[in-house]
C-alpha cells in the first residue's frame, strides 16, 4: 500500500515538506476576555487579554452610535471579562455588549446557544 501511495505522489507531483513547528507550539484562543476598551468617532476597539484587538463599528450598536462620546466612556467590564456594561444610573446608555457576539459567526453563535 505504501508503494502505491509513493507512486501516486510521484505521478501527481505532490511535494511534502517537514513541519516546522508542532501543533502544540501554536496558541488557539479559547474564550475572548476583555482587557481594555477605547472608542473613536466610528468604532469601539476591544483589546483582549490574548492581545487581539476587535473593532466594532458603532453603527452596529445603536445605543453607542447615538450616544455622546463622554457617555460611551462610562462603561464597566463584568467580572468574567466577557461583557461591556453601561449602567443607566451612571450613564445615559443602558446596554450590555457581549464581545463573543462580535467574534463568532452569527449562525455558529446561535447554534451554541441552543445546545
C-alpha atoms as a PDB file:
ATOM      1  CA  UNK A   1       0.000   0.000   0.000  1.00  0.00           C
ATOM      2  CA  UNK A   2       2.831   2.399   0.850  1.00  0.00           C
ATOM      3  CA  UNK A   3       4.493   1.718  -2.510  1.00  0.00           C
ATOM      4  CA  UNK A   4       1.267   2.594  -4.368  1.00  0.00           C
ATOM      5  CA  UNK A   5       0.943   5.812  -2.369  1.00  0.00           C
ATOM      6  CA  UNK A   6       4.504   6.806  -3.276  1.00  0.00           C
ATOM      7  CA  UNK A   7       3.821   6.128  -6.969  1.00  0.00           C
ATOM      8  CA  UNK A   8       0.667   8.275  -6.865  1.00  0.00           C
ATOM      9  CA  UNK A   9       2.591  11.116  -5.192  1.00  0.00           C
ATOM     10  CA  UNK A  10       5.206  10.992  -7.965  1.00  0.00           C
ATOM     11  CA  UNK A  11       2.582  10.911 -10.717  1.00  0.00           C
ATOM     12  CA  UNK A  12       0.707  13.858  -9.254  1.00  0.00           C
ATOM     13  CA  UNK A  13       3.926  15.719  -8.434  1.00  0.00           C
ATOM     14  CA  UNK A  14       2.941  16.061  -4.758  1.00  0.00           C
ATOM     15  CA  UNK A  15       5.608  17.634  -2.587  1.00  0.00           C
ATOM     16  CA  UNK A  16       5.859  17.080   1.136  1.00  0.00           C
ATOM     17  CA  UNK A  17       7.586  19.454   3.484  1.00  0.00           C
ATOM     18  CA  UNK A  18       8.820  18.989   7.001  1.00  0.00           C
ATOM     19  CA  UNK A  19       6.534  20.581   9.593  1.00  0.00           C
ATOM     20  CA  UNK A  20       8.471  23.457  11.131  1.00  0.00           C
ATOM     21  CA  UNK A  21       6.568  23.629  14.424  1.00  0.00           C
ATOM     22  CA  UNK A  22       4.413  21.011  16.158  1.00  0.00           C
ATOM     23  CA  UNK A  23       0.741  21.823  16.735  1.00  0.00           C
ATOM     24  CA  UNK A  24       1.402  22.296  20.464  1.00  0.00           C
ATOM     25  CA  UNK A  25       3.623  25.296  19.657  1.00  0.00           C
ATOM     26  CA  UNK A  26       0.604  27.283  18.394  1.00  0.00           C
ATOM     27  CA  UNK A  27      -1.799  29.265  20.552  1.00  0.00           C
ATOM     28  CA  UNK A  28      -5.506  28.873  19.954  1.00  0.00           C
ATOM     29  CA  UNK A  29      -7.616  31.293  21.981  1.00  0.00           C
ATOM     30  CA  UNK A  30     -10.454  29.756  23.955  1.00  0.00           C
ATOM     31  CA  UNK A  31     -12.930  32.346  25.160  1.00  0.00           C
ATOM     32  CA  UNK A  32     -12.409  36.057  24.500  1.00  0.00           C
ATOM     33  CA  UNK A  33     -11.618  38.030  27.664  1.00  0.00           C
ATOM     34  CA  UNK A  34     -11.640  41.834  27.587  1.00  0.00           C
ATOM     35  CA  UNK A  35      -8.525  43.724  28.663  1.00  0.00           C
ATOM     36  CA  UNK A  36      -9.476  47.280  27.710  1.00  0.00           C
ATOM     37  CA  UNK A  37     -11.891  49.264  25.563  1.00  0.00           C
ATOM     38  CA  UNK A  38     -11.472  52.502  23.623  1.00  0.00           C
ATOM     39  CA  UNK A  39     -13.576  54.475  21.180  1.00  0.00           C
ATOM     40  CA  UNK A  40     -13.163  56.837  18.288  1.00  0.00           C
ATOM     41  CA  UNK A  41     -15.950  58.502  16.313  1.00  0.00           C
ATOM     42  CA  UNK A  42     -16.549  55.381  14.162  1.00  0.00           C
ATOM     43  CA  UNK A  43     -15.609  52.267  16.171  1.00  0.00           C
ATOM     44  CA  UNK A  44     -15.298  50.611  19.528  1.00  0.00           C
ATOM     45  CA  UNK A  45     -11.928  48.844  19.902  1.00  0.00           C
ATOM     46  CA  UNK A  46     -11.769  45.967  22.340  1.00  0.00           C
ATOM     47  CA  UNK A  47      -8.331  44.687  23.276  1.00  0.00           C
ATOM     48  CA  UNK A  48      -8.479  41.123  24.564  1.00  0.00           C
ATOM     49  CA  UNK A  49      -6.210  39.505  27.127  1.00  0.00           C
ATOM     50  CA  UNK A  50      -4.677  37.375  24.360  1.00  0.00           C
ATOM     51  CA  UNK A  51      -3.692  40.660  22.606  1.00  0.00           C
ATOM     52  CA  UNK A  52      -6.210  40.504  19.765  1.00  0.00           C
ATOM     53  CA  UNK A  53      -7.981  43.772  19.013  1.00  0.00           C
ATOM     54  CA  UNK A  54     -11.584  43.619  17.829  1.00  0.00           C
ATOM     55  CA  UNK A  55     -13.047  46.653  16.010  1.00  0.00           C
ATOM     56  CA  UNK A  56     -16.805  47.002  16.154  1.00  0.00           C
ATOM     57  CA  UNK A  57     -18.418  49.756  14.076  1.00  0.00           C
ATOM     58  CA  UNK A  58     -20.536  51.945  16.353  1.00  0.00           C
ATOM     59  CA  UNK A  59     -23.454  51.851  13.932  1.00  0.00           C
ATOM     60  CA  UNK A  60     -23.805  48.132  14.760  1.00  0.00           C
ATOM     61  CA  UNK A  61     -24.810  49.170  18.301  1.00  0.00           C
ATOM     62  CA  UNK A  62     -27.386  51.989  18.083  1.00  0.00           C
ATOM     63  CA  UNK A  63     -27.170  52.906  21.780  1.00  0.00           C
ATOM     64  CA  UNK A  64     -23.453  53.623  21.387  1.00  0.00           C
ATOM     65  CA  UNK A  65     -23.748  55.188  17.943  1.00  0.00           C
ATOM     66  CA  UNK A  66     -26.315  57.718  19.184  1.00  0.00           C
ATOM     67  CA  UNK A  67     -24.571  58.456  22.492  1.00  0.00           C
ATOM     68  CA  UNK A  68     -22.231  61.317  23.261  1.00  0.00           C
ATOM     69  CA  UNK A  69     -18.527  60.305  23.321  1.00  0.00           C
ATOM     70  CA  UNK A  70     -18.202  61.021  27.057  1.00  0.00           C
ATOM     71  CA  UNK A  71     -21.163  58.720  27.771  1.00  0.00           C
ATOM     72  CA  UNK A  72     -19.549  55.824  25.865  1.00  0.00           C
ATOM     73  CA  UNK A  73     -16.593  56.038  28.256  1.00  0.00           C
ATOM     74  CA  UNK A  74     -18.781  55.310  31.300  1.00  0.00           C
ATOM     75  CA  UNK A  75     -18.669  51.539  30.854  1.00  0.00           C
ATOM     76  CA  UNK A  76     -17.682  48.720  33.158  1.00  0.00           C
ATOM     77  CA  UNK A  77     -16.243  45.323  32.279  1.00  0.00           C
ATOM     78  CA  UNK A  78     -18.012  42.455  34.012  1.00  0.00           C
ATOM     79  CA  UNK A  79     -16.204  40.162  36.442  1.00  0.00           C
ATOM     80  CA  UNK A  80     -15.690  37.370  33.879  1.00  0.00           C
ATOM     81  CA  UNK A  81     -14.298  39.995  31.445  1.00  0.00           C
ATOM     82  CA  UNK A  82     -16.655  38.899  28.655  1.00  0.00           C
ATOM     83  CA  UNK A  83     -19.098  41.828  28.592  1.00  0.00           C
ATOM     84  CA  UNK A  84     -19.052  45.614  28.490  1.00  0.00           C
ATOM     85  CA  UNK A  85     -21.847  47.142  30.550  1.00  0.00           C
ATOM     86  CA  UNK A  86     -23.268  50.651  30.737  1.00  0.00           C
ATOM     87  CA  UNK A  87     -25.196  51.252  33.949  1.00  0.00           C
ATOM     88  CA  UNK A  88     -28.138  53.626  33.365  1.00  0.00           C
ATOM     89  CA  UNK A  89     -27.563  55.100  36.851  1.00  0.00           C
ATOM     90  CA  UNK A  90     -24.080  56.241  35.756  1.00  0.00           C
ATOM     91  CA  UNK A  91     -24.641  56.952  32.058  1.00  0.00           C
ATOM     92  CA  UNK A  92     -27.364  57.849  29.575  1.00  0.00           C
ATOM     93  CA  UNK A  93     -26.623  54.471  27.950  1.00  0.00           C
ATOM     94  CA  UNK A  94     -28.414  51.341  29.148  1.00  0.00           C
ATOM     95  CA  UNK A  95     -26.786  48.436  27.318  1.00  0.00           C
ATOM     96  CA  UNK A  96     -24.651  45.315  27.615  1.00  0.00           C
ATOM     97  CA  UNK A  97     -22.308  44.098  24.884  1.00  0.00           C
ATOM     98  CA  UNK A  98     -21.033  40.530  24.840  1.00  0.00           C
ATOM     99  CA  UNK A  99     -17.774  40.551  22.878  1.00  0.00           C
ATOM    100  CA  UNK A 100     -18.346  36.939  21.771  1.00  0.00           C
ATOM    101  CA  UNK A 101     -21.289  38.193  19.691  1.00  0.00           C
ATOM    102  CA  UNK A 102     -18.841  40.177  17.553  1.00  0.00           C
ATOM    103  CA  UNK A 103     -16.240  37.421  17.154  1.00  0.00           C
ATOM    104  CA  UNK A 104     -18.208  34.250  16.386  1.00  0.00           C
ATOM    105  CA  UNK A 105     -20.159  33.980  13.147  1.00  0.00           C
ATOM    106  CA  UNK A 106     -23.849  34.644  13.851  1.00  0.00           C
ATOM    107  CA  UNK A 107     -25.020  31.160  12.853  1.00  0.00           C
ATOM    108  CA  UNK A 108     -22.296  29.471  14.933  1.00  0.00           C
ATOM    109  CA  UNK A 109     -23.101  31.579  17.978  1.00  0.00           C
ATOM    110  CA  UNK A 110     -26.834  30.857  17.731  1.00  0.00           C
ATOM    111  CA  UNK A 111     -26.151  27.101  17.378  1.00  0.00           C
ATOM    112  CA  UNK A 112     -24.013  27.185  20.528  1.00  0.00           C
ATOM    113  CA  UNK A 113     -26.794  28.891  22.453  1.00  0.00           C
ATOM    114  CA  UNK A 114     -29.294  26.176  21.508  1.00  0.00           C
ATOM    115  CA  UNK A 115     -27.002  23.303  22.532  1.00  0.00           C
END
